[in-house]
Amino acid sequence: MEALKNKTAFITGAAGGIGLGMARTFAKAGMNVVISDIQKHQLPVAEAELRAITDNVIALAIDSTNRDSLKQAAARIEQSFGALHVLCNNAGIGGGDKILDTTDKKWRGVMEVNFYGPLNGINQFLPGMLEHGEAGHIVNTSSFSGIQGHGHQSAYGSSKFALVGLSEYLRNDLAGTHIGVSVLCPHVVDTPIIQNLQQKVDEKISTLIADMAVPADTVGQQVMNAILTDEFYIFCDGTHTRKMLEQRCADLLAALDRQF
């Protein structure tokens, strides 16, 4: 996309964290911003913060796992702003331990939000984005845990791997159209998920996490840059992430070399 001013964005999971960081960035760029979240008590606070930037804001209590709820959101967006140009499937939850220590309920709950939520958003909004013919973009919020499995957050990481795959196939499907696709793969961002993680680890690891954490508004700017330049993979730091990515690529190539 060449310009975002006066375009409309819909962001799920935007009452705080990365979603709100995106919303602030988009609002400052002159976009119409529609935020949604299931955290009803946090939505008015986020809406008020955004209204200090622009009047073109709507906050909706939406559950991205509920397709009827998303259908209602689509109707409200069209009524208020017309065409949707940027869809950010950002809502997500953490969860999972070692595989055998993660309950079936937890597995299914995490997949429902982190994978099927974005899929619901795509199915609801993409047909209209294709039909109106204007430049658009879809951003799916995955994680670096969806690029490399590390630690023991089995359900969360697996759901994010699935979302990276969904995004890659969506990119294939939309090649040659006016709709771009990005997948956001942050490592450590200052969000409620990371704050909860810090409470579960020892002080040394908690301090390391704090040192690595990227501000949510920085991520919002990186997302906007990716939309404007049609960048597919979005990473949020070039140090820790690079080292882990280089090691993963080295492991893959080493395995290939051993076999052939």
C-alpha atoms as a PDB file:
ATOM      1  CA  MET A   1       0.000   0.000   0.000  1.00  0.00           C
ATOM      2  CA  GLU A   2       1.287   3.465  -0.868  1.00  0.00           C
ATOM      3  CA  ALA A   3      -0.598   5.528   1.706  1.00  0.00           C
ATOM      4  CA  LEU A   4      -2.709   4.937   4.813  1.00  0.00           C
ATOM      5  CA  LYS A   5      -4.304   8.320   5.488  1.00  0.00           C
ATOM      6  CA  ASN A   6      -8.116   8.130   5.465  1.00  0.00           C
ATOM      7  CA  LYS A   7      -7.991   4.347   5.071  1.00  0.00           C
ATOM      8  CA  THR A   8      -9.713   2.070   7.599  1.00  0.00           C
ATOM      9  CA  ALA A   9      -8.091  -0.522   9.852  1.00  0.00           C
ATOM     10  CA  PHE A  10      -9.681  -3.178  12.054  1.00  0.00           C
ATOM     11  CA  ILE A  11      -7.534  -4.625  14.831  1.00  0.00           C
ATOM     12  CA  THR A  12      -8.558  -7.486  17.095  1.00  0.00           C
ATOM     13  CA  GLY A  13      -7.115  -7.832  20.585  1.00  0.00           C
ATOM     14  CA  ALA A  14      -6.435  -4.092  20.640  1.00  0.00           C
ATOM     15  CA  ALA A  15      -7.408  -3.008  24.151  1.00  0.00           C
ATOM     16  CA  GLY A  16      -3.730  -3.221  25.104  1.00  0.00           C
ATOM     17  CA  GLY A  17      -0.307  -4.538  24.137  1.00  0.00           C
ATOM     18  CA  ILE A  18       0.677  -4.938  20.484  1.00  0.00           C
ATOM     19  CA  GLY A  19      -2.856  -4.279  19.227  1.00  0.00           C
ATOM     20  CA  LEU A  20      -3.082  -0.927  20.958  1.00  0.00           C
ATOM     21  CA  GLY A  21       0.424  -0.100  19.744  1.00  0.00           C
ATOM     22  CA  MET A  22      -0.772  -0.697  16.179  1.00  0.00           C
ATOM     23  CA  ALA A  23      -3.908   1.369  16.794  1.00  0.00           C
ATOM     24  CA  ARG A  24      -1.929   4.354  18.101  1.00  0.00           C
ATOM     25  CA  THR A  25       0.420   4.189  15.115  1.00  0.00           C
ATOM     26  CA  PHE A  26      -2.441   3.961  12.613  1.00  0.00           C
ATOM     27  CA  ALA A  27      -4.342   6.788  14.312  1.00  0.00           C
ATOM     28  CA  LYS A  28      -1.298   9.056  14.127  1.00  0.00           C
ATOM     29  CA  ALA A  29      -1.042   8.217  10.410  1.00  0.00           C
ATOM     30  CA  GLY A  30      -4.565   9.571   9.859  1.00  0.00           C
ATOM     31  CA  MET A  31      -6.397   6.261   9.541  1.00  0.00           C
ATOM     32  CA  ASN A  32      -9.900   5.397  10.696  1.00  0.00           C
ATOM     33  CA  VAL A  33      -9.267   2.910  13.495  1.00  0.00           C
ATOM     34  CA  VAL A  34     -11.629   0.201  14.726  1.00  0.00           C
ATOM     35  CA  ILE A  35     -10.401  -1.740  17.741  1.00  0.00           C
ATOM     36  CA  SER A  36     -11.933  -4.819  19.290  1.00  0.00           C
ATOM     37  CA  ASP A  37     -11.319  -6.998  22.316  1.00  0.00           C
ATOM     38  CA  ILE A  38     -13.105  -9.326  24.712  1.00  0.00           C
ATOM     39  CA  GLN A  39     -11.707  -7.297  27.637  1.00  0.00           C
ATOM     40  CA  LYS A  40     -14.734  -5.030  27.911  1.00  0.00           C
ATOM     41  CA  HIS A  41     -13.408  -3.113  30.912  1.00  0.00           C
ATOM     42  CA  GLN A  42     -10.208  -2.160  29.044  1.00  0.00           C
ATOM     43  CA  LEU A  43     -11.852  -1.068  25.784  1.00  0.00           C
ATOM     44  CA  PRO A  44     -13.138   2.342  27.014  1.00  0.00           C
ATOM     45  CA  VAL A  45      -9.670   3.211  28.329  1.00  0.00           C
ATOM     46  CA  ALA A  46      -8.062   2.318  24.996  1.00  0.00           C
ATOM     47  CA  GLU A  47     -10.755   4.180  23.075  1.00  0.00           C
ATOM     48  CA  ALA A  48     -10.256   7.313  25.167  1.00  0.00           C
ATOM     49  CA  GLU A  49      -6.513   7.177  24.573  1.00  0.00           C
ATOM     50  CA  LEU A  50      -7.034   6.916  20.813  1.00  0.00           C
ATOM     51  CA  ARG A  51      -9.591   9.731  20.795  1.00  0.00           C
ATOM     52  CA  ALA A  52      -6.873  12.012  22.084  1.00  0.00           C
ATOM     53  CA  ILE A  53      -5.249  11.401  18.677  1.00  0.00           C
ATOM     54  CA  THR A  54      -8.275  11.248  16.359  1.00  0.00           C
ATOM     55  CA  ASP A  55     -12.073  11.277  16.446  1.00  0.00           C
ATOM     56  CA  ASN A  56     -12.228   8.508  13.853  1.00  0.00           C
ATOM     57  CA  VAL A  57     -12.219   5.648  16.359  1.00  0.00           C
ATOM     58  CA  ILE A  58     -14.676   2.868  17.161  1.00  0.00           C
ATOM     59  CA  ALA A  59     -14.267   0.324  19.962  1.00  0.00           C
ATOM     60  CA  LEU A  60     -16.199  -2.950  19.757  1.00  0.00           C
ATOM     61  CA  ALA A  61     -16.527  -5.778  22.267  1.00  0.00           C
ATOM     62  CA  ILE A  62     -15.829  -8.608  19.834  1.00  0.00           C
ATOM     63  CA  ASP A  63     -14.843 -12.248  20.281  1.00  0.00           C
ATOM     64  CA  SER A  64     -12.794 -13.268  17.254  1.00  0.00           C
ATOM     65  CA  THR A  65     -13.687 -16.926  17.811  1.00  0.00           C
ATOM     66  CA  ASN A  66     -17.354 -16.050  17.215  1.00  0.00           C
ATOM     67  CA  ARG A  67     -18.125 -15.636  13.533  1.00  0.00           C
ATOM     68  CA  ASP A  68     -21.465 -13.913  14.177  1.00  0.00           C
ATOM     69  CA  SER A  69     -19.643 -11.372  16.323  1.00  0.00           C
ATOM     70  CA  LEU A  70     -17.225 -10.630  13.481  1.00  0.00           C
ATOM     71  CA  LYS A  71     -20.134 -10.328  11.047  1.00  0.00           C
ATOM     72  CA  GLN A  72     -21.637  -7.644  13.273  1.00  0.00           C
ATOM     73  CA  ALA A  73     -18.276  -5.873  13.387  1.00  0.00           C
ATOM     74  CA  ALA A  74     -18.095  -5.895   9.587  1.00  0.00           C
ATOM     75  CA  ALA A  75     -21.538  -4.285   9.349  1.00  0.00           C
ATOM     76  CA  ARG A  76     -20.563  -1.588  11.845  1.00  0.00           C
ATOM     77  CA  ILE A  77     -17.322  -0.812  10.014  1.00  0.00           C
ATOM     78  CA  GLU A  78     -19.080  -0.509   6.667  1.00  0.00           C
ATOM     79  CA  GLN A  79     -21.787   1.691   8.153  1.00  0.00           C
ATOM     80  CA  SER A  80     -19.290   4.041   9.819  1.00  0.00           C
ATOM     81  CA  PHE A  81     -16.315   4.163   7.445  1.00  0.00           C
ATOM     82  CA  GLY A  82     -17.155   2.208   4.299  1.00  0.00           C
ATOM     83  CA  ALA A  83     -14.480  -0.109   2.900  1.00  0.00           C
ATOM     84  CA  LEU A  84     -11.983  -1.911   5.122  1.00  0.00           C
ATOM     85  CA  HIS A  85      -8.369  -1.664   3.968  1.00  0.00           C
ATOM     86  CA  VAL A  86      -6.219  -3.122   6.754  1.00  0.00           C
ATOM     87  CA  LEU A  87      -7.157  -6.204   8.773  1.00  0.00           C
ATOM     88  CA  CYS A  88      -4.962  -7.025  11.773  1.00  0.00           C
ATOM     89  CA  ASN A  89      -5.757 -10.432  13.244  1.00  0.00           C
ATOM     90  CA  ASN A  90      -3.957  -9.758  16.492  1.00  0.00           C
ATOM     91  CA  ALA A  91      -6.027 -11.314  19.288  1.00  0.00           C
ATOM     92  CA  GLY A  92      -4.176 -14.143  21.009  1.00  0.00           C
ATOM     93  CA  ILE A  93      -3.615 -15.926  24.285  1.00  0.00           C
ATOM     94  CA  GLY A  94      -0.670 -17.694  25.869  1.00  0.00           C
ATOM     95  CA  GLY A  95      -0.798 -21.174  27.270  1.00  0.00           C
ATOM     96  CA  GLY A  96       0.701 -24.585  27.378  1.00  0.00           C
ATOM     97  CA  ASP A  97       3.435 -26.404  29.196  1.00  0.00           C
ATOM     98  CA  LYS A  98       5.295 -29.531  28.195  1.00  0.00           C
ATOM     99  CA  ILE A  99       3.117 -31.489  25.785  1.00  0.00           C
ATOM    100  CA  LEU A 100       2.092 -34.193  28.251  1.00  0.00           C
ATOM    101  CA  ASP A 101       1.424 -31.559  30.912  1.00  0.00           C
ATOM    102  CA  THR A 102      -0.961 -29.580  28.697  1.00  0.00           C
ATOM    103  CA  THR A 103      -4.621 -30.543  28.906  1.00  0.00           C
ATOM    104  CA  ASP A 104      -6.774 -31.192  25.873  1.00  0.00           C
ATOM    105  CA  LYS A 105      -8.966 -28.260  26.931  1.00  0.00           C
ATOM    106  CA  LYS A 106      -5.951 -25.955  26.929  1.00  0.00           C
ATOM    107  CA  TRP A 107      -4.774 -27.208  23.519  1.00  0.00           C
ATOM    108  CA  ARG A 108      -8.173 -26.630  21.939  1.00  0.00           C
ATOM    109  CA  GLY A 109      -8.729 -23.288  23.643  1.00  0.00           C
ATOM    110  CA  VAL A 110      -5.394 -21.859  22.512  1.00  0.00           C
ATOM    111  CA  MET A 111      -5.867 -23.102  18.939  1.00  0.00           C
ATOM    112  CA  GLU A 112      -9.387 -21.653  18.850  1.00  0.00           C
ATOM    113  CA  VAL A 113      -8.144 -18.151  19.652  1.00  0.00           C
ATOM    114  CA  ASN A 114      -4.690 -18.101  18.053  1.00  0.00           C
ATOM    115  CA  PHE A 115      -5.431 -19.982  14.821  1.00  0.00           C
ATOM    116  CA  TYR A 116      -9.163 -20.126  14.200  1.00  0.00           C
ATOM    117  CA  GLY A 117      -9.651 -16.514  15.329  1.00  0.00           C
ATOM    118  CA  PRO A 118      -7.454 -15.169  12.491  1.00  0.00           C
ATOM    119  CA  LEU A 119      -9.005 -17.652  10.061  1.00  0.00           C
ATOM    120  CA  ASN A 120     -12.456 -16.369  11.037  1.00  0.00           C
ATOM    121  CA  GLY A 121     -11.279 -12.817  10.410  1.00  0.00           C
ATOM    122  CA  ILE A 122      -9.926 -13.714   6.980  1.00  0.00           C
ATOM    123  CA  ASN A 123     -13.112 -15.506   5.990  1.00  0.00           C
ATOM    124  CA  GLN A 124     -15.263 -12.600   7.161  1.00  0.00           C
ATOM    125  CA  PHE A 125     -13.368  -9.636   5.745  1.00  0.00           C
ATOM    126  CA  LEU A 126     -11.261 -10.816   2.804  1.00  0.00           C
ATOM    127  CA  PRO A 127     -14.148 -11.252   0.312  1.00  0.00           C
ATOM    128  CA  GLY A 128     -15.183  -7.620   0.802  1.00  0.00           C
ATOM    129  CA  MET A 129     -11.583  -6.404   0.576  1.00  0.00           C
ATOM    130  CA  LEU A 130     -11.197  -8.209  -2.731  1.00  0.00           C
ATOM    131  CA  GLU A 131     -14.530  -6.911  -3.999  1.00  0.00           C
ATOM    132  CA  HIS A 132     -14.032  -3.198  -3.321  1.00  0.00           C
ATOM    133  CA  GLY A 133     -10.837  -3.217  -5.402  1.00  0.00           C
ATOM    134  CA  GLU A 134      -8.798  -0.757  -3.332  1.00  0.00           C
ATOM    135  CA  ALA A 135      -5.322  -1.563  -2.017  1.00  0.00           C
ATOM    136  CA  GLY A 136      -5.432  -3.497   1.241  1.00  0.00           C
ATOM    137  CA  HIS A 137      -3.364  -5.562   3.634  1.00  0.00           C
ATOM    138  CA  ILE A 138      -3.820  -8.375   6.142  1.00  0.00           C
ATOM    139  CA  VAL A 139      -1.502  -8.732   9.140  1.00  0.00           C
ATOM    140  CA  ASN A 140      -1.581 -11.910  11.238  1.00  0.00           C
ATOM    141  CA  THR A 141       0.111 -11.701  14.624  1.00  0.00           C
ATOM    142  CA  SER A 142       2.129 -14.867  15.153  1.00  0.00           C
ATOM    143  CA  SER A 143       5.295 -14.996  17.277  1.00  0.00           C
ATOM    144  CA  PHE A 144       8.934 -15.958  17.005  1.00  0.00           C
ATOM    145  CA  SER A 145       7.676 -19.063  18.820  1.00  0.00           C
ATOM    146  CA  GLY A 146       5.989 -19.791  15.480  1.00  0.00           C
ATOM    147  CA  ILE A 147       9.366 -19.720  13.711  1.00  0.00           C
ATOM    148  CA  GLN A 148      11.438 -21.683  16.223  1.00  0.00           C
ATOM    149  CA  GLY A 149      10.186 -23.932  18.978  1.00  0.00           C
ATOM    150  CA  HIS A 150      11.880 -22.976  22.211  1.00  0.00           C
ATOM    151  CA  GLY A 151      10.960 -23.551  25.821  1.00  0.00           C
ATOM    152  CA  HIS A 152       7.913 -25.598  26.712  1.00  0.00           C
ATOM    153  CA  GLN A 153       4.944 -23.435  25.688  1.00  0.00           C
ATOM    154  CA  SER A 154       3.654 -26.243  23.494  1.00  0.00           C
ATOM    155  CA  ALA A 155       0.095 -25.123  22.766  1.00  0.00           C
ATOM    156  CA  TYR A 156       0.995 -21.467  22.228  1.00  0.00           C
ATOM    157  CA  GLY A 157       3.994 -22.196  20.021  1.00  0.00           C
ATOM    158  CA  SER A 158       2.175 -24.795  17.944  1.00  0.00           C
ATOM    159  CA  SER A 159      -0.717 -22.407  17.324  1.00  0.00           C
ATOM    160  CA  LYS A 160       1.709 -19.732  16.179  1.00  0.00           C
ATOM    161  CA  PHE A 161       3.524 -22.153  13.842  1.00  0.00           C
ATOM    162  CA  ALA A 162       0.113 -22.910  12.334  1.00  0.00           C
ATOM    163  CA  LEU A 163      -0.573 -19.209  11.880  1.00  0.00           C
ATOM    164  CA  VAL A 164       2.721 -18.668  10.058  1.00  0.00           C
ATOM    165  CA  GLY A 165       1.724 -21.492   7.715  1.00  0.00           C
ATOM    166  CA  LEU A 166      -1.742 -20.027   7.197  1.00  0.00           C
ATOM    167  CA  SER A 167      -0.167 -16.664   6.387  1.00  0.00           C
ATOM    168  CA  GLU A 168       2.229 -18.175   3.853  1.00  0.00           C
ATOM    169  CA  TYR A 169      -0.621 -19.942   2.055  1.00  0.00           C
ATOM    170  CA  LEU A 170      -2.717 -16.768   2.171  1.00  0.00           C
ATOM    171  CA  ARG A 171       0.170 -14.913   0.535  1.00  0.00           C
ATOM    172  CA  ASN A 172       0.199 -17.552  -2.212  1.00  0.00           C
ATOM    173  CA  ASP A 173      -3.556 -17.223  -2.687  1.00  0.00           C
ATOM    174  CA  LEU A 174      -3.413 -13.428  -2.970  1.00  0.00           C
ATOM    175  CA  ALA A 175      -0.369 -13.138  -5.227  1.00  0.00           C
ATOM    176  CA  GLY A 176      -1.190 -10.783  -8.094  1.00  0.00           C
ATOM    177  CA  THR A 177      -4.107  -9.148  -6.272  1.00  0.00           C
ATOM    178  CA  HIS A 178      -4.352  -5.749  -4.588  1.00  0.00           C
ATOM    179  CA  ILE A 179      -4.225  -7.334  -1.102  1.00  0.00           C
ATOM    180  CA  GLY A 180      -0.876  -7.792   0.642  1.00  0.00           C
ATOM    181  CA  VAL A 181      -0.117 -10.119   3.542  1.00  0.00           C
ATOM    182  CA  SER A 182       2.266  -9.915   6.492  1.00  0.00           C
ATOM    183  CA  VAL A 183       2.927 -12.181   9.438  1.00  0.00           C
ATOM    184  CA  LEU A 184       4.177 -10.524  12.603  1.00  0.00           C
ATOM    185  CA  CYS A 185       6.692 -12.672  14.498  1.00  0.00           C
ATOM    186  CA  PRO A 186       7.717 -10.728  17.609  1.00  0.00           C
ATOM    187  CA  HIS A 187      10.128 -12.276  20.068  1.00  0.00           C
ATOM    188  CA  VAL A 188       9.724 -10.323  23.311  1.00  0.00           C
ATOM    189  CA  VAL A 189       7.342  -7.351  23.433  1.00  0.00           C
ATOM    190  CA  ASP A 190       6.191  -5.476  26.513  1.00  0.00           C
ATOM    191  CA  THR A 191       2.672  -6.978  26.622  1.00  0.00           C
ATOM    192  CA  PRO A 192       0.457  -8.645  29.265  1.00  0.00           C
ATOM    193  CA  ILE A 193       1.491 -12.097  27.962  1.00  0.00           C
ATOM    194  CA  ILE A 194       5.163 -11.306  28.593  1.00  0.00           C
ATOM    195  CA  GLN A 195       4.385  -9.711  31.939  1.00  0.00           C
ATOM    196  CA  ASN A 196       2.578 -12.890  33.009  1.00  0.00           C
ATOM    197  CA  LEU A 197       5.531 -14.973  31.821  1.00  0.00           C
ATOM    198  CA  GLN A 198       7.924 -12.914  33.943  1.00  0.00           C
ATOM    199  CA  GLN A 199       5.948 -13.874  37.038  1.00  0.00           C
ATOM    200  CA  LYS A 200       6.526 -17.570  36.336  1.00  0.00           C
ATOM    201  CA  VAL A 201      10.314 -17.527  35.916  1.00  0.00           C
ATOM    202  CA  ASP A 202      13.214 -16.769  38.236  1.00  0.00           C
ATOM    203  CA  GLU A 203      14.546 -13.259  38.754  1.00  0.00           C
ATOM    204  CA  LYS A 204      17.496 -13.699  36.383  1.00  0.00           C
ATOM    205  CA  ILE A 205      15.285 -14.779  33.485  1.00  0.00           C
ATOM    206  CA  SER A 206      12.718 -12.105  34.323  1.00  0.00           C
ATOM    207  CA  THR A 207      15.419  -9.436  34.134  1.00  0.00           C
ATOM    208  CA  LEU A 208      16.650 -10.819  30.808  1.00  0.00           C
ATOM    209  CA  ILE A 209      13.118 -10.695  29.426  1.00  0.00           C
ATOM    210  CA  ALA A 210      12.746  -7.084  30.562  1.00  0.00           C
ATOM    211  CA  ASP A 211      16.007  -6.145  28.827  1.00  0.00           C
ATOM    212  CA  MET A 212      14.874  -7.776  25.574  1.00  0.00           C
ATOM    213  CA  ALA A 213      11.313  -6.414  25.545  1.00  0.00           C
ATOM    214  CA  VAL A 214      10.422  -4.082  22.660  1.00  0.00           C
ATOM    215  CA  PRO A 215       7.793  -1.346  23.284  1.00  0.00           C
ATOM    216  CA  ALA A 216       4.401  -2.022  21.704  1.00  0.00           C
ATOM    217  CA  ASP A 217       4.473   1.286  19.818  1.00  0.00           C
ATOM    218  CA  THR A 218       7.767   0.294  18.190  1.00  0.00           C
ATOM    219  CA  VAL A 219       6.066  -2.853  16.936  1.00  0.00           C
ATOM    220  CA  GLY A 220       3.154  -0.758  15.685  1.00  0.00           C
ATOM    221  CA  GLN A 221       5.546   1.339  13.619  1.00  0.00           C
ATOM    222  CA  GLN A 222       7.225  -1.797  12.251  1.00  0.00           C
ATOM    223  CA  VAL A 223       3.824  -3.157  11.222  1.00  0.00           C
ATOM    224  CA  MET A 224       2.912   0.079   9.448  1.00  0.00           C
ATOM    225  CA  ASN A 225       6.255   0.070   7.617  1.00  0.00           C
ATOM    226  CA  ALA A 226       5.634  -3.517   6.483  1.00  0.00           C
ATOM    227  CA  ILE A 227       2.188  -2.602   5.161  1.00  0.00           C
ATOM    228  CA  LEU A 228       3.593   0.349   3.217  1.00  0.00           C
ATOM    229  CA  THR A 229       6.469  -1.684   1.732  1.00  0.00           C
ATOM    230  CA  ASP A 230       4.566  -4.986   1.342  1.00  0.00           C
ATOM    231  CA  GLU A 231       6.992  -6.868   3.616  1.00  0.00           C
ATOM    232  CA  PHE A 232       5.820 -10.377   4.501  1.00  0.00           C
ATOM    233  CA  TYR A 233       7.790 -11.357   7.622  1.00  0.00           C
ATOM    234  CA  ILE A 234       7.872  -8.758  10.376  1.00  0.00           C
ATOM    235  CA  PHE A 235      10.513  -9.188  13.089  1.00  0.00           C
ATOM    236  CA  CYS A 236      10.824  -6.844  16.030  1.00  0.00           C
ATOM    237  CA  ASP A 237      14.490  -6.948  16.984  1.00  0.00           C
ATOM    238  CA  GLY A 238      17.676  -7.616  15.052  1.00  0.00           C
ATOM    239  CA  THR A 239      19.878  -9.044  17.808  1.00  0.00           C
ATOM    240  CA  HIS A 240      18.423 -11.915  19.839  1.00  0.00           C
ATOM    241  CA  THR A 241      16.038 -12.841  17.021  1.00  0.00           C
ATOM    242  CA  ARG A 242      18.826 -12.878  14.440  1.00  0.00           C
ATOM    243  CA  LYS A 243      20.977 -15.240  16.522  1.00  0.00           C
ATOM    244  CA  MET A 244      18.120 -17.699  16.968  1.00  0.00           C
ATOM    245  CA  LEU A 245      17.112 -17.488  13.312  1.00  0.00           C
ATOM    246  CA  GLU A 246      20.676 -18.044  12.150  1.00  0.00           C
ATOM    247  CA  GLN A 247      20.962 -21.112  14.392  1.00  0.00           C
ATOM    248  CA  ARG A 248      17.690 -22.552  13.081  1.00  0.00           C
ATOM    249  CA  CYS A 249      18.759 -22.060   9.459  1.00  0.00           C
ATOM    250  CA  ALA A 250      22.162 -23.590  10.226  1.00  0.00           C
ATOM    251  CA  ASP A 251      20.513 -26.646  11.815  1.00  0.00           C
ATOM    252  CA  LEU A 252      18.240 -27.142   8.808  1.00  0.00           C
ATOM    253  CA  LEU A 253      21.071 -26.843   6.294  1.00  0.00           C
ATOM    254  CA  ALA A 254      23.317 -29.122   8.368  1.00  0.00           C
ATOM    255  CA  ALA A 255      20.611 -31.791   8.375  1.00  0.00           C
ATOM    256  CA  LEU A 256      20.262 -31.452   4.603  1.00  0.00           C
ATOM    257  CA  ASP A 257      24.021 -31.746   4.128  1.00  0.00           C
ATOM    258  CA  ARG A 258      24.192 -34.899   6.276  1.00  0.00           C
ATOM    259  CA  GLN A 259      21.546 -36.583   4.175  1.00  0.00           C
ATOM    260  CA  PHE A 260      22.619 -35.528   0.698  1.00  0.00           C
END
